[in-house]
Amino acid sequence: MNRTDMVFGYLQNYIKDKYDKYSEEILISNEEDSLFDLSFSNFLDEMKFALLYKNGKYELVLEKARNLVYGKLLELENLEVDILFVNCTDSLTEKEIQNVLESEKYMLEPPISQKHQSIAGEFLNIISEKVVENISIYSNINLKQYIEDLKASIISFAFNGSLAGDDVATRNYWEEYCFQIQYGEDYVLGIIQTDIELQIEKQLKEIAYKDIVLLYTETDNYYGEVYDISSPFPERDEMVESILRKFFDEISWEASNTFVPDFYNGEDWE
């Protein structure tokens, strides 16, 4: 590694650490003027509350975050602001960078310059990522309980005997699913799987938005990615589809590993 690369690497790490540090300071700040009729221990909790319970007002909280960023930037020395601006240059054209720098020359009293606006955009990306990650880390959602409830609902399906005939002594729809997934035919299994998918979809339609978000963080499609600053998670239907696949995979795994007799080879219940 040559000296230029080393200096550039140090600069990148310095800038990243500064963005992380100031983002954390903003999120743990204790803001008394909440946008809701509630008190929060810090701004992070207010952002999580808005995202989970007042999603339609999340942009108002983002605007508050932007103003907190501006307040932080106005506290810093001009040199440090200039260093933070380096992180914005990758997303700007040469002309745009030049325009920002030229505009700074004519600002006698900021308070909010184009440079500040560009830096604030970077901060909001980082803050949104931290909010989404925090929701996942501290989620108390009990995926296992949802699966148990789903299993109970499958057991309660109307059942008039096995689709495979009288020789198969399954006693409810759950046992029938377990048998078919382990010993049955694809055609019959497909009928049951369609029923179960419809039941999962019905169950998810009754779940509050908050729980949909929390369940989505348990799916393979969730990687802490922020889709859009103003809406960090995808649309509800997209999240439901991911959760449906997760539920179906979980319930199928349990059905595949639940004991049922191989009635075709003379086994019976223990």
Protein backbone atom coordinates (compact mmCIF):
# COMPACT_ATOMS: atom_id res chain seq x y z
CA MET A 1 0.00 0.00 0.00
CA ASN A 2 1.45 3.38 -0.98
CA ARG A 3 1.29 6.48 1.18
CA THR A 4 -1.58 8.06 -0.79
CA ASP A 5 -3.75 4.97 -0.39
CA MET A 6 -2.92 4.83 3.30
CA VAL A 7 -3.88 8.47 3.86
CA PHE A 8 -7.10 7.99 1.87
CA GLY A 9 -7.95 4.91 3.95
CA TYR A 10 -7.38 6.78 7.20
CA LEU A 11 -9.56 9.65 5.94
CA GLN A 12 -12.38 7.29 4.98
CA ASN A 13 -12.31 5.62 8.41
CA TYR A 14 -12.21 9.01 10.14
CA ILE A 15 -15.24 10.25 8.20
CA LYS A 16 -17.18 7.02 8.83
CA ASP A 17 -16.43 7.21 12.56
CA LYS A 18 -17.60 10.83 12.66
CA TYR A 19 -20.87 10.04 10.89
CA ASP A 20 -21.49 7.10 13.22
CA LYS A 21 -20.60 9.14 16.32
CA TYR A 22 -22.81 12.10 15.48
CA SER A 23 -25.68 9.84 14.34
CA GLU A 24 -25.56 8.01 17.67
CA GLU A 25 -25.52 11.32 19.55
CA ILE A 26 -28.64 12.44 17.71
CA LEU A 27 -30.45 9.16 18.31
CA ILE A 28 -29.72 9.01 22.04
CA SER A 29 -30.52 12.70 22.58
CA ASN A 30 -33.40 13.32 24.95
CA GLU A 31 -35.88 15.55 23.13
CA GLU A 32 -38.63 16.98 25.31
CA ASP A 33 -40.69 18.37 22.40
CA SER A 34 -42.06 15.05 21.15
CA LEU A 35 -44.24 15.10 18.03
CA PHE A 36 -46.68 12.81 19.84
CA ASP A 37 -48.55 13.05 23.15
CA LEU A 38 -45.98 10.74 24.70
CA SER A 39 -42.60 11.05 26.33
CA PHE A 40 -39.66 9.03 25.05
CA SER A 41 -36.35 8.22 26.68
CA ASN A 42 -34.54 9.31 23.52
CA PHE A 43 -35.08 10.28 19.90
CA LEU A 44 -34.45 6.71 18.69
CA ASP A 45 -37.51 5.51 20.62
CA GLU A 46 -39.59 8.29 19.07
CA MET A 47 -38.45 7.25 15.58
CA LYS A 48 -39.25 3.58 16.28
CA PHE A 49 -42.66 4.51 17.66
CA ALA A 50 -43.47 6.55 14.56
CA LEU A 51 -42.31 3.79 12.23
CA LEU A 52 -44.29 1.03 13.97
CA TYR A 53 -47.40 2.84 15.19
CA LYS A 54 -47.71 6.13 13.29
CA ASN A 55 -46.26 5.20 9.93
CA GLY A 56 -48.19 7.92 8.15
CA LYS A 57 -46.37 10.54 10.22
CA TYR A 58 -42.90 9.06 9.85
CA GLU A 59 -41.84 11.82 7.44
CA LEU A 60 -42.50 14.39 10.18
CA VAL A 61 -40.06 12.55 12.43
CA LEU A 62 -37.54 12.45 9.59
CA GLU A 63 -37.85 16.20 9.21
CA LYS A 64 -37.18 16.54 12.92
CA ALA A 65 -34.12 14.32 12.45
CA ARG A 66 -32.94 16.55 9.62
CA ASN A 67 -33.25 19.64 11.82
CA LEU A 68 -31.31 17.92 14.61
CA VAL A 69 -28.57 17.16 12.08
CA TYR A 70 -28.49 20.82 11.03
CA GLY A 71 -28.17 21.81 14.67
CA LYS A 72 -25.25 19.43 15.09
CA LEU A 73 -23.50 20.74 11.95
CA LEU A 74 -23.81 24.35 13.08
CA GLU A 75 -21.97 23.39 16.28
CA LEU A 76 -18.96 22.07 14.33
CA GLU A 77 -15.91 23.89 13.03
CA ASN A 78 -16.01 24.71 9.30
CA LEU A 79 -13.07 22.38 8.66
CA GLU A 80 -14.90 19.40 10.13
CA VAL A 81 -17.99 20.19 8.07
CA ASP A 82 -15.77 20.27 4.98
CA ILE A 83 -14.38 16.84 5.87
CA LEU A 84 -17.89 15.44 6.34
CA PHE A 85 -18.81 16.82 2.91
CA VAL A 86 -16.14 14.56 1.34
CA ASN A 87 -18.54 11.66 1.98
CA CYS A 88 -21.14 13.32 -0.26
CA THR A 89 -18.93 13.76 -3.29
CA ASP A 90 -19.40 10.20 -4.60
CA SER A 91 -23.10 10.86 -5.23
CA LEU A 92 -22.57 14.29 -6.86
CA THR A 93 -21.29 15.17 -10.30
CA GLU A 94 -18.26 17.41 -10.70
CA LYS A 95 -20.57 20.25 -11.72
CA GLU A 96 -22.77 19.76 -8.65
CA ILE A 97 -19.75 19.73 -6.35
CA GLN A 98 -18.47 22.92 -7.96
CA ASN A 99 -21.88 24.57 -7.56
CA VAL A 100 -21.93 23.71 -3.84
CA LEU A 101 -18.42 25.08 -3.33
CA GLU A 102 -19.19 28.24 -5.30
CA SER A 103 -22.39 28.87 -3.34
CA GLU A 104 -20.40 28.77 -0.08
CA LYS A 105 -18.41 31.83 -1.16
CA TYR A 106 -21.49 34.06 -1.18
CA MET A 107 -23.04 32.97 2.11
CA LEU A 108 -22.35 35.64 4.71
CA GLU A 109 -24.53 34.01 7.38
CA PRO A 110 -25.39 30.39 6.65
CA PRO A 111 -27.43 29.06 8.57
CA ILE A 112 -28.18 26.11 6.25
CA SER A 113 -26.03 25.88 3.15
CA GLN A 114 -26.16 23.44 0.22
CA LYS A 115 -23.20 21.71 1.83
CA HIS A 116 -25.20 21.24 5.04
CA GLN A 117 -28.13 19.86 3.04
CA SER A 118 -25.92 17.32 1.27
CA ILE A 119 -24.33 16.20 4.53
CA ALA A 120 -27.76 15.96 6.20
CA GLY A 121 -28.86 13.56 3.47
CA GLU A 122 -25.92 11.28 4.31
CA PHE A 123 -26.79 11.45 7.99
CA LEU A 124 -30.44 10.56 7.37
CA ASN A 125 -29.38 7.43 5.48
CA ILE A 126 -27.24 6.31 8.40
CA ILE A 127 -29.88 7.22 11.00
CA SER A 128 -32.57 5.29 9.08
CA GLU A 129 -30.31 2.22 8.88
CA LYS A 130 -29.68 2.39 12.62
CA VAL A 131 -33.41 2.64 13.37
CA VAL A 132 -34.18 -0.40 11.19
CA GLU A 133 -31.32 -2.41 12.74
CA ASN A 134 -32.47 -1.45 16.24
CA ILE A 135 -36.00 -2.62 15.55
CA SER A 136 -34.66 -6.01 14.48
CA ILE A 137 -32.17 -6.40 17.34
CA TYR A 138 -34.65 -5.53 20.08
CA SER A 139 -37.70 -7.11 18.52
CA ASN A 140 -39.60 -9.24 21.05
CA ILE A 141 -41.67 -10.90 18.36
CA ASN A 142 -42.24 -14.59 19.11
CA LEU A 143 -42.09 -16.33 15.76
CA LYS A 144 -42.49 -19.73 17.42
CA GLN A 145 -45.77 -18.65 19.00
CA TYR A 146 -47.13 -17.56 15.62
CA ILE A 147 -46.20 -20.96 14.18
CA GLU A 148 -47.88 -22.75 17.10
CA ASP A 149 -51.03 -20.67 16.57
CA LEU A 150 -50.96 -21.53 12.88
CA LYS A 151 -50.54 -25.21 13.66
CA ALA A 152 -53.51 -25.05 16.08
CA SER A 153 -55.65 -23.43 13.39
CA ILE A 154 -54.72 -26.21 10.92
CA ILE A 155 -55.68 -28.86 13.48
CA SER A 156 -59.11 -27.25 13.79
CA PHE A 157 -59.83 -27.46 10.03
CA ALA A 158 -62.93 -29.49 9.16
CA PHE A 159 -61.76 -33.10 8.67
CA ASN A 160 -63.77 -36.02 7.34
CA GLY A 161 -61.04 -38.58 6.91
CA SER A 162 -57.81 -38.90 5.00
CA LEU A 163 -57.65 -37.89 1.36
CA ALA A 164 -55.60 -41.05 0.86
CA GLY A 165 -58.45 -43.37 1.90
CA ASP A 166 -59.66 -45.33 4.91
CA ASP A 167 -56.35 -47.18 5.37
CA VAL A 168 -54.69 -43.95 6.52
CA ALA A 169 -55.84 -43.24 10.09
CA THR A 170 -55.00 -39.57 10.44
CA ARG A 171 -57.21 -37.86 12.99
CA ASN A 172 -57.11 -34.20 11.93
CA TYR A 173 -55.90 -31.95 9.13
CA TRP A 174 -52.50 -31.36 10.75
CA GLU A 175 -51.79 -35.09 10.97
CA GLU A 176 -52.98 -35.42 7.39
CA TYR A 177 -50.48 -32.77 6.31
CA CYS A 178 -47.67 -34.45 8.23
CA PHE A 179 -48.51 -37.80 6.64
CA GLN A 180 -48.83 -36.43 3.11
CA ILE A 181 -45.57 -34.47 3.26
CA GLN A 182 -43.72 -37.59 4.44
CA TYR A 183 -45.46 -40.44 2.61
CA GLY A 184 -48.13 -39.03 0.33
CA GLU A 185 -48.49 -38.13 -3.32
CA ASP A 186 -47.62 -34.74 -4.79
CA TYR A 187 -51.16 -34.09 -6.05
CA VAL A 188 -52.80 -34.56 -2.64
CA LEU A 189 -49.98 -32.71 -0.90
CA GLY A 190 -50.46 -29.77 -3.28
CA ILE A 191 -54.14 -29.48 -2.28
CA ILE A 192 -53.24 -29.36 1.41
CA GLN A 193 -50.40 -26.89 0.89
CA THR A 194 -52.77 -24.54 -0.95
CA ASP A 195 -55.19 -24.71 1.99
CA ILE A 196 -52.39 -23.93 4.43
CA GLU A 197 -51.07 -21.02 2.35
CA LEU A 198 -54.58 -19.52 2.27
CA GLN A 199 -54.81 -19.94 6.05
CA ILE A 200 -51.46 -18.21 6.54
CA GLU A 201 -52.56 -15.36 4.27
CA LYS A 202 -55.81 -15.01 6.23
CA GLN A 203 -53.90 -14.93 9.51
CA LEU A 204 -51.46 -12.29 8.27
CA LYS A 205 -54.28 -10.01 7.11
CA GLU A 206 -55.44 -9.82 10.73
CA ILE A 207 -52.00 -8.86 12.10
CA ALA A 208 -51.23 -5.25 13.02
CA TYR A 209 -48.72 -3.34 10.89
CA LYS A 210 -46.29 -3.28 13.82
CA ASP A 211 -46.17 -7.08 13.97
CA ILE A 212 -45.88 -7.34 10.18
CA VAL A 213 -42.73 -5.20 10.36
CA LEU A 214 -41.32 -7.23 13.25
CA LEU A 215 -42.09 -10.55 11.56
CA TYR A 216 -40.50 -9.28 8.36
CA THR A 217 -37.22 -8.80 10.22
CA GLU A 218 -37.27 -12.60 10.80
CA THR A 219 -37.40 -13.41 7.08
CA ASP A 220 -34.58 -14.16 4.66
CA ASN A 221 -35.49 -11.04 2.66
CA TYR A 222 -34.57 -8.78 5.55
CA TYR A 223 -30.94 -7.72 5.57
CA GLY A 224 -31.27 -4.40 7.40
CA GLU A 225 -31.54 -2.65 4.04
CA VAL A 226 -33.31 0.70 4.00
CA TYR A 227 -35.57 0.76 0.94
CA ASP A 228 -36.37 4.46 1.17
CA ILE A 229 -35.55 6.97 3.88
CA SER A 230 -39.19 8.00 4.21
CA SER A 231 -40.32 4.36 4.24
CA PRO A 232 -37.48 2.11 5.45
CA PHE A 233 -39.45 -1.13 4.99
CA PRO A 234 -41.10 -2.35 1.78
CA GLU A 235 -44.85 -2.15 1.16
CA ARG A 236 -47.03 -4.28 3.45
CA ASP A 237 -47.97 -6.72 0.65
CA GLU A 238 -44.30 -7.34 -0.11
CA MET A 239 -43.54 -7.96 3.56
CA VAL A 240 -46.56 -10.27 3.86
CA GLU A 241 -45.33 -12.33 0.91
CA SER A 242 -41.93 -12.79 2.58
CA ILE A 243 -43.54 -13.69 5.91
CA LEU A 244 -45.91 -16.13 4.21
CA ARG A 245 -42.94 -17.96 2.70
CA LYS A 246 -41.21 -17.97 6.10
CA PHE A 247 -44.28 -19.32 7.87
CA PHE A 248 -44.81 -21.94 5.18
CA ASP A 249 -41.19 -23.10 5.33
CA GLU A 250 -41.32 -23.30 9.13
CA ILE A 251 -44.61 -25.19 9.25
CA SER A 252 -43.48 -27.53 6.47
CA TRP A 253 -40.24 -28.28 8.33
CA GLU A 254 -42.22 -29.12 11.48
CA ALA A 255 -44.63 -31.32 9.52
CA SER A 256 -41.70 -33.15 7.92
CA ASN A 257 -40.22 -33.88 11.36
CA THR A 258 -43.40 -34.79 13.26
CA PHE A 259 -43.95 -38.49 13.87
CA VAL A 260 -46.80 -40.07 11.93
CA PRO A 261 -47.09 -43.78 11.16
CA ASP A 262 -46.31 -45.12 7.69
CA PHE A 263 -49.76 -46.64 7.34
CA TYR A 264 -48.86 -48.02 3.89
CA ASN A 265 -46.32 -50.31 5.56
CA GLY A 266 -48.52 -51.39 8.46
CA GLU A 267 -47.38 -48.86 11.10
CA ASP A 268 -49.83 -47.34 13.56
CA TRP A 269 -49.83 -44.70 16.27
CA GLU A 270 -47.48 -45.50 19.14
